[in-house]
């Protein structure tokens, strides 16, 4: 039995002389050959696709390239041409982090010789779309009433006063705060439990007080109006696929456990597949340092910050 090969995302990629040239970001799995064929390497210029034939040694601590393995010579990795591989496709004898394995999209696979039939994913996608369409048609009338009612709901109804004050929070150290709230949809009001990340800052002169989505002008006028240099409130939802990033104090980073998106204290994405920074939420500071939050939900998987609720 061959020895198990361990791939750890983020391990250094070194050249033949041992110099670090990048880090491991993802793996590419070619379905037509049923094996891993490339690694995706992050360097200062972005993401590069490196054939596995250019790798001479793989350990849990580093991956060494051949003497001819110069990252400048390899093509750029474009995530829009790939999709994640489900767990049951993971090859044996490899230990790989969930969410790190990618494969060419079905339309690209068919160009490689599978045009005689729909791919497994293509078939499932079309079947799912058909069922969803049938269900949608059967529900369109009652749902339409809810949508019209929800459109009239005022945002002010969603403001929540948290049972914590600004002076009780540590400086530049994210704190997850859970609270009871009410989800409003038209005339329906349903009790829910929400969580937000609270980060207290020293003031407007503090670089960490400006969230990345504000720097990139992703915020709406509502989020720009209700913001504070003394407090950042982050949504607990990862902009990639909706998982929950966690704060790792020893690394000073938010890391999503599902697909390994990595964010700095101000929400800036520095690794992983997330298409935008962490999402900030509107916040108002009241008398005595009281904290008032407007909980919002945003569309995941897109670079824009599109409000859903």
C-alpha atoms as a PDB file:
ATOM      1  CA  UNK A   1       0.000   0.000   0.000  1.00  0.00           C
ATOM      2  CA  UNK A   2       1.471   3.388  -0.986  1.00  0.00           C
ATOM      3  CA  UNK A   3       2.316   5.891   1.714  1.00  0.00           C
ATOM      4  CA  UNK A   4      -0.369   8.508   2.405  1.00  0.00           C
ATOM      5  CA  UNK A   5       0.404  11.945   0.973  1.00  0.00           C
ATOM      6  CA  UNK A   6      -0.631  14.897   3.142  1.00  0.00           C
ATOM      7  CA  UNK A   7      -1.551  18.235   1.551  1.00  0.00           C
ATOM      8  CA  UNK A   8      -1.904  21.127   3.985  1.00  0.00           C
ATOM      9  CA  UNK A   9      -3.213  24.405   2.660  1.00  0.00           C
ATOM     10  CA  UNK A  10      -0.922  27.334   3.337  1.00  0.00           C
ATOM     11  CA  UNK A  11       2.337  25.334   3.571  1.00  0.00           C
ATOM     12  CA  UNK A  12       5.364  27.023   1.953  1.00  0.00           C
ATOM     13  CA  UNK A  13       6.278  26.275  -1.652  1.00  0.00           C
ATOM     14  CA  UNK A  14      10.067  26.276  -2.016  1.00  0.00           C
ATOM     15  CA  UNK A  15      12.321  26.187  -5.071  1.00  0.00           C
ATOM     16  CA  UNK A  16      15.220  23.806  -5.652  1.00  0.00           C
ATOM     17  CA  UNK A  17      17.528  25.923  -3.478  1.00  0.00           C
ATOM     18  CA  UNK A  18      15.094  25.899  -0.547  1.00  0.00           C
ATOM     19  CA  UNK A  19      13.914  29.510  -0.958  1.00  0.00           C
ATOM     20  CA  UNK A  20      10.220  30.088  -0.218  1.00  0.00           C
ATOM     21  CA  UNK A  21       8.424  31.324  -3.348  1.00  0.00           C
ATOM     22  CA  UNK A  22       4.765  31.029  -2.338  1.00  0.00           C
ATOM     23  CA  UNK A  23       2.196  28.985  -0.423  1.00  0.00           C
ATOM     24  CA  UNK A  24      -0.218  26.178  -1.290  1.00  0.00           C
ATOM     25  CA  UNK A  25      -3.733  27.502  -1.977  1.00  0.00           C
ATOM     26  CA  UNK A  26      -5.634  24.645  -3.699  1.00  0.00           C
ATOM     27  CA  UNK A  27      -5.325  21.381  -5.604  1.00  0.00           C
ATOM     28  CA  UNK A  28      -6.667  20.626  -9.073  1.00  0.00           C
ATOM     29  CA  UNK A  29      -8.286  17.227  -9.691  1.00  0.00           C
ATOM     30  CA  UNK A  30      -8.779  16.149 -13.337  1.00  0.00           C
ATOM     31  CA  UNK A  31     -11.876  13.937 -13.460  1.00  0.00           C
ATOM     32  CA  UNK A  32     -11.005  12.367 -16.826  1.00  0.00           C
ATOM     33  CA  UNK A  33      -7.816  10.990 -15.275  1.00  0.00           C
ATOM     34  CA  UNK A  34      -9.224  10.565 -11.745  1.00  0.00           C
ATOM     35  CA  UNK A  35      -6.172  12.098 -10.104  1.00  0.00           C
ATOM     36  CA  UNK A  36      -4.614  15.312  -8.826  1.00  0.00           C
ATOM     37  CA  UNK A  37      -2.708  16.914 -11.679  1.00  0.00           C
ATOM     38  CA  UNK A  38      -1.820  20.431 -10.473  1.00  0.00           C
ATOM     39  CA  UNK A  39      -1.348  22.571  -7.382  1.00  0.00           C
ATOM     40  CA  UNK A  40      -2.441  26.196  -7.043  1.00  0.00           C
ATOM     41  CA  UNK A  41       0.291  28.385  -5.579  1.00  0.00           C
ATOM     42  CA  UNK A  42      -0.172  31.878  -4.144  1.00  0.00           C
ATOM     43  CA  UNK A  43       2.720  34.284  -4.586  1.00  0.00           C
ATOM     44  CA  UNK A  44       3.006  38.077  -4.627  1.00  0.00           C
ATOM     45  CA  UNK A  45       1.537  38.250  -8.135  1.00  0.00           C
ATOM     46  CA  UNK A  46      -1.546  36.132  -7.390  1.00  0.00           C
ATOM     47  CA  UNK A  47      -2.442  32.471  -8.009  1.00  0.00           C
ATOM     48  CA  UNK A  48      -0.530  30.172 -10.367  1.00  0.00           C
ATOM     49  CA  UNK A  49      -1.288  26.666 -11.673  1.00  0.00           C
ATOM     50  CA  UNK A  50       1.746  24.412 -11.254  1.00  0.00           C
ATOM     51  CA  UNK A  51       1.726  20.873 -12.757  1.00  0.00           C
ATOM     52  CA  UNK A  52       2.387  18.128 -10.239  1.00  0.00           C
ATOM     53  CA  UNK A  53       5.213  16.998 -12.524  1.00  0.00           C
ATOM     54  CA  UNK A  54       7.100  20.108 -11.363  1.00  0.00           C
ATOM     55  CA  UNK A  55       6.973  18.930  -7.735  1.00  0.00           C
ATOM     56  CA  UNK A  56       9.794  16.744  -6.418  1.00  0.00           C
ATOM     57  CA  UNK A  57       8.905  16.489  -2.724  1.00  0.00           C
ATOM     58  CA  UNK A  58       5.736  16.837  -0.620  1.00  0.00           C
ATOM     59  CA  UNK A  59       5.750  16.966   3.181  1.00  0.00           C
ATOM     60  CA  UNK A  60       3.227  18.336   5.700  1.00  0.00           C
ATOM     61  CA  UNK A  61       5.580  21.294   6.163  1.00  0.00           C
ATOM     62  CA  UNK A  62       6.637  22.235   2.614  1.00  0.00           C
ATOM     63  CA  UNK A  63       6.420  21.397  -1.085  1.00  0.00           C
ATOM     64  CA  UNK A  64       9.606  21.536  -3.173  1.00  0.00           C
ATOM     65  CA  UNK A  65       9.653  22.363  -6.886  1.00  0.00           C
ATOM     66  CA  UNK A  66      12.054  21.097  -9.533  1.00  0.00           C
ATOM     67  CA  UNK A  67      14.989  23.324 -10.612  1.00  0.00           C
ATOM     68  CA  UNK A  68      12.930  24.352 -13.665  1.00  0.00           C
ATOM     69  CA  UNK A  69       9.865  25.181 -11.571  1.00  0.00           C
ATOM     70  CA  UNK A  70       9.747  28.986 -11.812  1.00  0.00           C
ATOM     71  CA  UNK A  71       6.316  30.363 -10.861  1.00  0.00           C
ATOM     72  CA  UNK A  72       6.607  33.133 -13.454  1.00  0.00           C
ATOM     73  CA  UNK A  73       6.380  30.523 -16.221  1.00  0.00           C
ATOM     74  CA  UNK A  74       3.093  28.958 -15.081  1.00  0.00           C
ATOM     75  CA  UNK A  75      -0.453  30.031 -16.044  1.00  0.00           C
ATOM     76  CA  UNK A  76      -2.714  32.073 -13.786  1.00  0.00           C
ATOM     77  CA  UNK A  77      -5.410  30.191 -11.854  1.00  0.00           C
ATOM     78  CA  UNK A  78      -8.901  31.473 -12.751  1.00  0.00           C
ATOM     79  CA  UNK A  79     -11.417  30.144 -10.215  1.00  0.00           C
ATOM     80  CA  UNK A  80     -14.330  30.838 -12.596  1.00  0.00           C
ATOM     81  CA  UNK A  81     -13.159  27.881 -14.713  1.00  0.00           C
ATOM     82  CA  UNK A  82     -13.292  25.461 -11.776  1.00  0.00           C
ATOM     83  CA  UNK A  83     -15.663  24.083  -9.179  1.00  0.00           C
ATOM     84  CA  UNK A  84     -15.186  22.296  -5.874  1.00  0.00           C
ATOM     85  CA  UNK A  85     -15.049  18.509  -5.814  1.00  0.00           C
ATOM     86  CA  UNK A  86     -17.501  16.727  -3.460  1.00  0.00           C
ATOM     87  CA  UNK A  87     -16.076  14.581  -0.685  1.00  0.00           C
ATOM     88  CA  UNK A  88     -16.859  11.279  -2.380  1.00  0.00           C
ATOM     89  CA  UNK A  89     -14.547  12.218  -5.276  1.00  0.00           C
ATOM     90  CA  UNK A  90     -11.490  12.653  -3.075  1.00  0.00           C
ATOM     91  CA  UNK A  91      -8.769  10.249  -4.260  1.00  0.00           C
ATOM     92  CA  UNK A  92      -7.479   7.539  -1.898  1.00  0.00           C
ATOM     93  CA  UNK A  93      -4.073   7.758  -0.238  1.00  0.00           C
ATOM     94  CA  UNK A  94      -4.336  11.559   0.003  1.00  0.00           C
ATOM     95  CA  UNK A  95      -5.215  13.614   3.076  1.00  0.00           C
ATOM     96  CA  UNK A  96      -6.674  16.902   1.915  1.00  0.00           C
ATOM     97  CA  UNK A  97      -8.480  19.756   3.615  1.00  0.00           C
ATOM     98  CA  UNK A  98     -12.162  19.984   2.744  1.00  0.00           C
ATOM     99  CA  UNK A  99     -12.811  22.666   0.133  1.00  0.00           C
ATOM    100  CA  UNK A 100      -9.284  22.722  -1.236  1.00  0.00           C
ATOM    101  CA  UNK A 101      -9.827  20.315  -4.157  1.00  0.00           C
ATOM    102  CA  UNK A 102     -11.028  21.818  -7.448  1.00  0.00           C
ATOM    103  CA  UNK A 103     -11.892  20.346 -10.847  1.00  0.00           C
ATOM    104  CA  UNK A 104     -12.565  21.751 -14.292  1.00  0.00           C
ATOM    105  CA  UNK A 105     -16.186  22.757 -14.788  1.00  0.00           C
ATOM    106  CA  UNK A 106     -18.408  20.302 -16.704  1.00  0.00           C
ATOM    107  CA  UNK A 107     -18.317  22.261 -19.965  1.00  0.00           C
ATOM    108  CA  UNK A 108     -14.512  22.087 -19.933  1.00  0.00           C
ATOM    109  CA  UNK A 109     -14.511  18.370 -19.138  1.00  0.00           C
ATOM    110  CA  UNK A 110     -16.723  17.636 -22.131  1.00  0.00           C
ATOM    111  CA  UNK A 111     -14.162  19.342 -24.353  1.00  0.00           C
ATOM    112  CA  UNK A 112     -11.697  16.741 -23.136  1.00  0.00           C
ATOM    113  CA  UNK A 113     -13.731  13.897 -24.670  1.00  0.00           C
ATOM    114  CA  UNK A 114     -16.938  13.398 -22.677  1.00  0.00           C
ATOM    115  CA  UNK A 115     -19.325  14.932 -25.224  1.00  0.00           C
ATOM    116  CA  UNK A 116     -21.197  11.665 -25.713  1.00  0.00           C
ATOM    117  CA  UNK A 117     -23.247  12.209 -22.529  1.00  0.00           C
ATOM    118  CA  UNK A 118     -24.089  14.761 -19.899  1.00  0.00           C
ATOM    119  CA  UNK A 119     -21.646  14.842 -17.028  1.00  0.00           C
ATOM    120  CA  UNK A 120     -22.825  13.690 -13.610  1.00  0.00           C
ATOM    121  CA  UNK A 121     -22.938  17.272 -12.363  1.00  0.00           C
ATOM    122  CA  UNK A 122     -24.633  18.598 -15.495  1.00  0.00           C
ATOM    123  CA  UNK A 123     -27.380  16.018 -15.143  1.00  0.00           C
ATOM    124  CA  UNK A 124     -27.867  16.816 -11.461  1.00  0.00           C
ATOM    125  CA  UNK A 125     -27.901  20.541 -12.143  1.00  0.00           C
ATOM    126  CA  UNK A 126     -30.574  20.243 -14.830  1.00  0.00           C
ATOM    127  CA  UNK A 127     -32.675  17.866 -12.735  1.00  0.00           C
ATOM    128  CA  UNK A 128     -32.476  20.184  -9.739  1.00  0.00           C
ATOM    129  CA  UNK A 129     -33.416  23.181 -11.871  1.00  0.00           C
ATOM    130  CA  UNK A 130     -36.432  21.343 -13.296  1.00  0.00           C
ATOM    131  CA  UNK A 131     -37.714  20.295  -9.862  1.00  0.00           C
ATOM    132  CA  UNK A 132     -37.124  23.774  -8.474  1.00  0.00           C
ATOM    133  CA  UNK A 133     -39.061  25.306 -11.370  1.00  0.00           C
ATOM    134  CA  UNK A 134     -42.041  22.992 -10.795  1.00  0.00           C
ATOM    135  CA  UNK A 135     -42.083  23.738  -7.079  1.00  0.00           C
ATOM    136  CA  UNK A 136     -41.708  27.444  -7.737  1.00  0.00           C
ATOM    137  CA  UNK A 137     -44.678  27.513 -10.110  1.00  0.00           C
ATOM    138  CA  UNK A 138     -46.881  25.731  -7.572  1.00  0.00           C
ATOM    139  CA  UNK A 139     -45.977  28.237  -4.843  1.00  0.00           C
ATOM    140  CA  UNK A 140     -45.694  31.468  -6.782  1.00  0.00           C
ATOM    141  CA  UNK A 141     -49.098  32.849  -5.741  1.00  0.00           C
ATOM    142  CA  UNK A 142     -48.851  32.425  -1.938  1.00  0.00           C
ATOM    143  CA  UNK A 143     -45.175  33.381  -1.892  1.00  0.00           C
ATOM    144  CA  UNK A 144     -45.908  36.489  -3.930  1.00  0.00           C
ATOM    145  CA  UNK A 145     -48.049  37.787  -1.092  1.00  0.00           C
ATOM    146  CA  UNK A 146     -45.230  37.345   1.398  1.00  0.00           C
ATOM    147  CA  UNK A 147     -42.725  39.095  -0.883  1.00  0.00           C
ATOM    148  CA  UNK A 148     -44.976  42.106  -1.394  1.00  0.00           C
ATOM    149  CA  UNK A 149     -45.591  42.394   2.333  1.00  0.00           C
ATOM    150  CA  UNK A 150     -41.901  42.008   3.170  1.00  0.00           C
ATOM    151  CA  UNK A 151     -41.027  44.821   0.757  1.00  0.00           C
ATOM    152  CA  UNK A 152     -43.001  47.202   2.974  1.00  0.00           C
ATOM    153  CA  UNK A 153     -41.130  46.229   6.159  1.00  0.00           C
ATOM    154  CA  UNK A 154     -39.195  49.137   7.655  1.00  0.00           C
ATOM    155  CA  UNK A 155     -35.514  48.649   8.442  1.00  0.00           C
ATOM    156  CA  UNK A 156     -35.995  50.381  11.778  1.00  0.00           C
ATOM    157  CA  UNK A 157     -37.897  47.324  13.006  1.00  0.00           C
ATOM    158  CA  UNK A 158     -34.690  45.268  12.864  1.00  0.00           C
ATOM    159  CA  UNK A 159     -32.494  47.417  15.128  1.00  0.00           C
ATOM    160  CA  UNK A 160     -31.354  45.489  18.202  1.00  0.00           C
ATOM    161  CA  UNK A 161     -29.817  46.893  21.394  1.00  0.00           C
ATOM    162  CA  UNK A 162     -27.109  44.528  22.596  1.00  0.00           C
ATOM    163  CA  UNK A 163     -26.808  43.781  26.342  1.00  0.00           C
ATOM    164  CA  UNK A 164     -23.192  44.968  26.374  1.00  0.00           C
ATOM    165  CA  UNK A 165     -21.539  48.403  26.358  1.00  0.00           C
ATOM    166  CA  UNK A 166     -18.477  49.588  24.455  1.00  0.00           C
ATOM    167  CA  UNK A 167     -16.299  49.950  27.570  1.00  0.00           C
ATOM    168  CA  UNK A 168     -16.748  46.241  28.369  1.00  0.00           C
ATOM    169  CA  UNK A 169     -15.087  45.155  25.118  1.00  0.00           C
ATOM    170  CA  UNK A 170     -11.316  44.566  24.718  1.00  0.00           C
ATOM    171  CA  UNK A 171      -9.474  46.776  22.223  1.00  0.00           C
ATOM    172  CA  UNK A 172      -8.734  45.247  18.787  1.00  0.00           C
ATOM    173  CA  UNK A 173      -9.824  41.800  19.929  1.00  0.00           C
ATOM    174  CA  UNK A 174     -12.952  40.369  18.236  1.00  0.00           C
ATOM    175  CA  UNK A 175     -15.688  39.140  20.562  1.00  0.00           C
ATOM    176  CA  UNK A 176     -18.556  36.965  19.310  1.00  0.00           C
ATOM    177  CA  UNK A 177     -21.826  38.161  20.821  1.00  0.00           C
ATOM    178  CA  UNK A 178     -25.063  36.160  20.582  1.00  0.00           C
ATOM    179  CA  UNK A 179     -28.456  37.740  21.147  1.00  0.00           C
ATOM    180  CA  UNK A 180     -32.148  37.027  20.742  1.00  0.00           C
ATOM    181  CA  UNK A 181     -33.852  38.797  17.852  1.00  0.00           C
ATOM    182  CA  UNK A 182     -36.960  38.666  15.695  1.00  0.00           C
ATOM    183  CA  UNK A 183     -36.919  37.777  12.003  1.00  0.00           C
ATOM    184  CA  UNK A 184     -39.531  39.892  10.211  1.00  0.00           C
ATOM    185  CA  UNK A 185     -41.039  38.755   6.896  1.00  0.00           C
ATOM    186  CA  UNK A 186     -44.062  40.829   5.973  1.00  0.00           C
ATOM    187  CA  UNK A 187     -46.501  40.335   8.840  1.00  0.00           C
ATOM    188  CA  UNK A 188     -44.685  37.268  10.211  1.00  0.00           C
ATOM    189  CA  UNK A 189     -42.363  37.711  13.212  1.00  0.00           C
ATOM    190  CA  UNK A 190     -40.265  34.673  14.201  1.00  0.00           C
ATOM    191  CA  UNK A 191     -37.879  34.545  17.232  1.00  0.00           C
ATOM    192  CA  UNK A 192     -34.288  33.741  16.172  1.00  0.00           C
ATOM    193  CA  UNK A 193     -30.815  33.693  17.722  1.00  0.00           C
ATOM    194  CA  UNK A 194     -28.233  35.901  15.997  1.00  0.00           C
ATOM    195  CA  UNK A 195     -24.464  36.245  16.397  1.00  0.00           C
ATOM    196  CA  UNK A 196     -22.207  39.168  15.468  1.00  0.00           C
ATOM    197  CA  UNK A 197     -18.497  39.903  15.852  1.00  0.00           C
ATOM    198  CA  UNK A 198     -17.752  43.077  17.840  1.00  0.00           C
ATOM    199  CA  UNK A 199     -14.344  44.797  17.564  1.00  0.00           C
ATOM    200  CA  UNK A 200     -13.600  47.873  19.668  1.00  0.00           C
ATOM    201  CA  UNK A 201     -11.028  50.397  18.369  1.00  0.00           C
ATOM    202  CA  UNK A 202      -9.176  53.321  19.893  1.00  0.00           C
ATOM    203  CA  UNK A 203     -10.543  55.867  17.407  1.00  0.00           C
ATOM    204  CA  UNK A 204     -10.444  57.327  13.915  1.00  0.00           C
ATOM    205  CA  UNK A 205      -6.626  57.504  13.893  1.00  0.00           C
ATOM    206  CA  UNK A 206      -6.450  53.740  14.321  1.00  0.00           C
ATOM    207  CA  UNK A 207      -5.896  52.024  10.899  1.00  0.00           C
ATOM    208  CA  UNK A 208      -7.797  48.973  12.148  1.00  0.00           C
ATOM    209  CA  UNK A 209     -10.908  51.113  12.620  1.00  0.00           C
ATOM    210  CA  UNK A 210     -11.575  51.236   8.839  1.00  0.00           C
ATOM    211  CA  UNK A 211     -13.093  47.962   7.552  1.00  0.00           C
ATOM    212  CA  UNK A 212     -11.933  46.662   4.190  1.00  0.00           C
ATOM    213  CA  UNK A 213     -15.404  46.696   2.611  1.00  0.00           C
ATOM    214  CA  UNK A 214     -15.619  50.411   3.424  1.00  0.00           C
ATOM    215  CA  UNK A 215     -12.215  51.008   1.791  1.00  0.00           C
ATOM    216  CA  UNK A 216     -13.409  49.169  -1.336  1.00  0.00           C
ATOM    217  CA  UNK A 217     -16.670  51.148  -1.386  1.00  0.00           C
ATOM    218  CA  UNK A 218     -18.777  47.992  -1.071  1.00  0.00           C
ATOM    219  CA  UNK A 219     -20.982  49.414   1.689  1.00  0.00           C
ATOM    220  CA  UNK A 220     -24.431  50.825   0.984  1.00  0.00           C
ATOM    221  CA  UNK A 221     -25.426  54.333   2.073  1.00  0.00           C
ATOM    222  CA  UNK A 222     -27.111  52.734   5.092  1.00  0.00           C
ATOM    223  CA  UNK A 223     -23.893  51.037   6.271  1.00  0.00           C
ATOM    224  CA  UNK A 224     -21.867  54.186   5.619  1.00  0.00           C
ATOM    225  CA  UNK A 225     -24.328  56.304   7.596  1.00  0.00           C
ATOM    226  CA  UNK A 226     -24.402  53.986  10.594  1.00  0.00           C
ATOM    227  CA  UNK A 227     -20.728  53.287  11.280  1.00  0.00           C
ATOM    228  CA  UNK A 228     -18.299  54.226  14.017  1.00  0.00           C
ATOM    229  CA  UNK A 229     -14.495  54.601  14.224  1.00  0.00           C
ATOM    230  CA  UNK A 230     -14.741  53.118  17.722  1.00  0.00           C
ATOM    231  CA  UNK A 231     -16.560  49.892  16.846  1.00  0.00           C
ATOM    232  CA  UNK A 232     -16.731  47.458  13.932  1.00  0.00           C
ATOM    233  CA  UNK A 233     -19.550  44.924  13.754  1.00  0.00           C
ATOM    234  CA  UNK A 234     -18.969  41.987  11.386  1.00  0.00           C
ATOM    235  CA  UNK A 235     -21.550  39.569  10.076  1.00  0.00           C
ATOM    236  CA  UNK A 236     -20.831  35.976  11.213  1.00  0.00           C
ATOM    237  CA  UNK A 237     -21.467  34.711   7.674  1.00  0.00           C
ATOM    238  CA  UNK A 238     -18.556  33.968   5.322  1.00  0.00           C
ATOM    239  CA  UNK A 239     -19.108  35.725   1.950  1.00  0.00           C
ATOM    240  CA  UNK A 240     -17.979  32.563   0.155  1.00  0.00           C
ATOM    241  CA  UNK A 241     -20.717  29.997   0.846  1.00  0.00           C
ATOM    242  CA  UNK A 242     -22.218  31.054   4.168  1.00  0.00           C
ATOM    243  CA  UNK A 243     -20.115  29.221   6.765  1.00  0.00           C
ATOM    244  CA  UNK A 244     -18.957  30.904   9.992  1.00  0.00           C
ATOM    245  CA  UNK A 245     -15.388  32.274  10.197  1.00  0.00           C
ATOM    246  CA  UNK A 246     -13.742  31.959  13.607  1.00  0.00           C
ATOM    247  CA  UNK A 247     -11.201  34.251  15.277  1.00  0.00           C
ATOM    248  CA  UNK A 248      -7.791  32.699  16.003  1.00  0.00           C
ATOM    249  CA  UNK A 249      -6.160  34.997  18.547  1.00  0.00           C
ATOM    250  CA  UNK A 250      -2.709  33.378  18.220  1.00  0.00           C
ATOM    251  CA  UNK A 251      -2.619  34.183  14.489  1.00  0.00           C
ATOM    252  CA  UNK A 252      -4.656  37.403  14.677  1.00  0.00           C
ATOM    253  CA  UNK A 253      -6.833  36.128  11.830  1.00  0.00           C
ATOM    254  CA  UNK A 254     -10.413  35.132  11.050  1.00  0.00           C
ATOM    255  CA  UNK A 255     -10.360  31.685   9.376  1.00  0.00           C
ATOM    256  CA  UNK A 256     -13.373  29.965   7.849  1.00  0.00           C
ATOM    257  CA  UNK A 257     -13.277  26.224   8.701  1.00  0.00           C
ATOM    258  CA  UNK A 258     -15.255  25.168   5.605  1.00  0.00           C
ATOM    259  CA  UNK A 259     -13.096  26.360   2.704  1.00  0.00           C
ATOM    260  CA  UNK A 260     -10.232  28.134   4.475  1.00  0.00           C
ATOM    261  CA  UNK A 261     -10.978  31.739   3.561  1.00  0.00           C
ATOM    262  CA  UNK A 262      -8.708  33.913   5.719  1.00  0.00           C
ATOM    263  CA  UNK A 263      -9.355  37.496   6.847  1.00  0.00           C
ATOM    264  CA  UNK A 264      -7.402  40.128   8.754  1.00  0.00           C
ATOM    265  CA  UNK A 265      -8.763  42.067  11.741  1.00  0.00           C
ATOM    266  CA  UNK A 266     -10.359  44.672   9.442  1.00  0.00           C
ATOM    267  CA  UNK A 267     -12.064  41.957   7.356  1.00  0.00           C
ATOM    268  CA  UNK A 268      -9.595  42.034   4.450  1.00  0.00           C
ATOM    269  CA  UNK A 269      -9.465  38.661   2.643  1.00  0.00           C
ATOM    270  CA  UNK A 270      -5.873  37.431   2.374  1.00  0.00           C
ATOM    271  CA  UNK A 271      -6.506  33.824   1.383  1.00  0.00           C
ATOM    272  CA  UNK A 272      -9.122  31.348   0.252  1.00  0.00           C
ATOM    273  CA  UNK A 273     -12.007  31.475  -2.237  1.00  0.00           C
ATOM    274  CA  UNK A 274     -14.185  34.201  -0.676  1.00  0.00           C
ATOM    275  CA  UNK A 275     -15.021  36.825  -3.353  1.00  0.00           C
ATOM    276  CA  UNK A 276     -15.028  39.842  -1.001  1.00  0.00           C
ATOM    277  CA  UNK A 277     -14.025  40.948   2.530  1.00  0.00           C
ATOM    278  CA  UNK A 278     -16.061  40.133   5.622  1.00  0.00           C
ATOM    279  CA  UNK A 279     -19.331  42.071   5.700  1.00  0.00           C
ATOM    280  CA  UNK A 280     -19.768  44.886   8.216  1.00  0.00           C
ATOM    281  CA  UNK A 281     -23.160  45.659   9.743  1.00  0.00           C
ATOM    282  CA  UNK A 282     -24.663  49.068  10.597  1.00  0.00           C
ATOM    283  CA  UNK A 283     -24.019  50.135  14.200  1.00  0.00           C
ATOM    284  CA  UNK A 284     -25.005  53.067  16.411  1.00  0.00           C
ATOM    285  CA  UNK A 285     -23.370  53.982  19.715  1.00  0.00           C
ATOM    286  CA  UNK A 286     -25.770  55.466  22.226  1.00  0.00           C
ATOM    287  CA  UNK A 287     -25.605  57.114  25.606  1.00  0.00           C
ATOM    288  CA  UNK A 288     -23.244  55.362  28.019  1.00  0.00           C
ATOM    289  CA  UNK A 289     -21.654  53.357  25.194  1.00  0.00           C
ATOM    290  CA  UNK A 290     -24.759  51.313  24.405  1.00  0.00           C
ATOM    291  CA  UNK A 291     -24.503  49.335  21.166  1.00  0.00           C
ATOM    292  CA  UNK A 292     -27.332  49.158  18.620  1.00  0.00           C
ATOM    293  CA  UNK A 293     -26.959  46.827  15.625  1.00  0.00           C
ATOM    294  CA  UNK A 294     -28.968  46.440  12.426  1.00  0.00           C
ATOM    295  CA  UNK A 295     -28.588  42.779  11.500  1.00  0.00           C
ATOM    296  CA  UNK A 296     -28.367  42.240   7.739  1.00  0.00           C
ATOM    297  CA  UNK A 297     -27.854  39.249   5.449  1.00  0.00           C
ATOM    298  CA  UNK A 298     -26.016  39.451   2.133  1.00  0.00           C
ATOM    299  CA  UNK A 299     -25.777  37.304  -0.980  1.00  0.00           C
ATOM    300  CA  UNK A 300     -22.825  34.896  -0.792  1.00  0.00           C
ATOM    301  CA  UNK A 301     -20.500  33.873  -3.618  1.00  0.00           C
ATOM    302  CA  UNK A 302     -20.429  37.272  -5.376  1.00  0.00           C
ATOM    303  CA  UNK A 303     -17.939  40.174  -5.140  1.00  0.00           C
ATOM    304  CA  UNK A 304     -20.716  42.738  -4.561  1.00  0.00           C
ATOM    305  CA  UNK A 305     -22.307  43.296  -1.175  1.00  0.00           C
ATOM    306  CA  UNK A 306     -25.980  42.660  -2.045  1.00  0.00           C
ATOM    307  CA  UNK A 307     -28.446  42.962   0.834  1.00  0.00           C
ATOM    308  CA  UNK A 308     -30.979  40.142   1.192  1.00  0.00           C
ATOM    309  CA  UNK A 309     -32.566  40.854   4.570  1.00  0.00           C
END
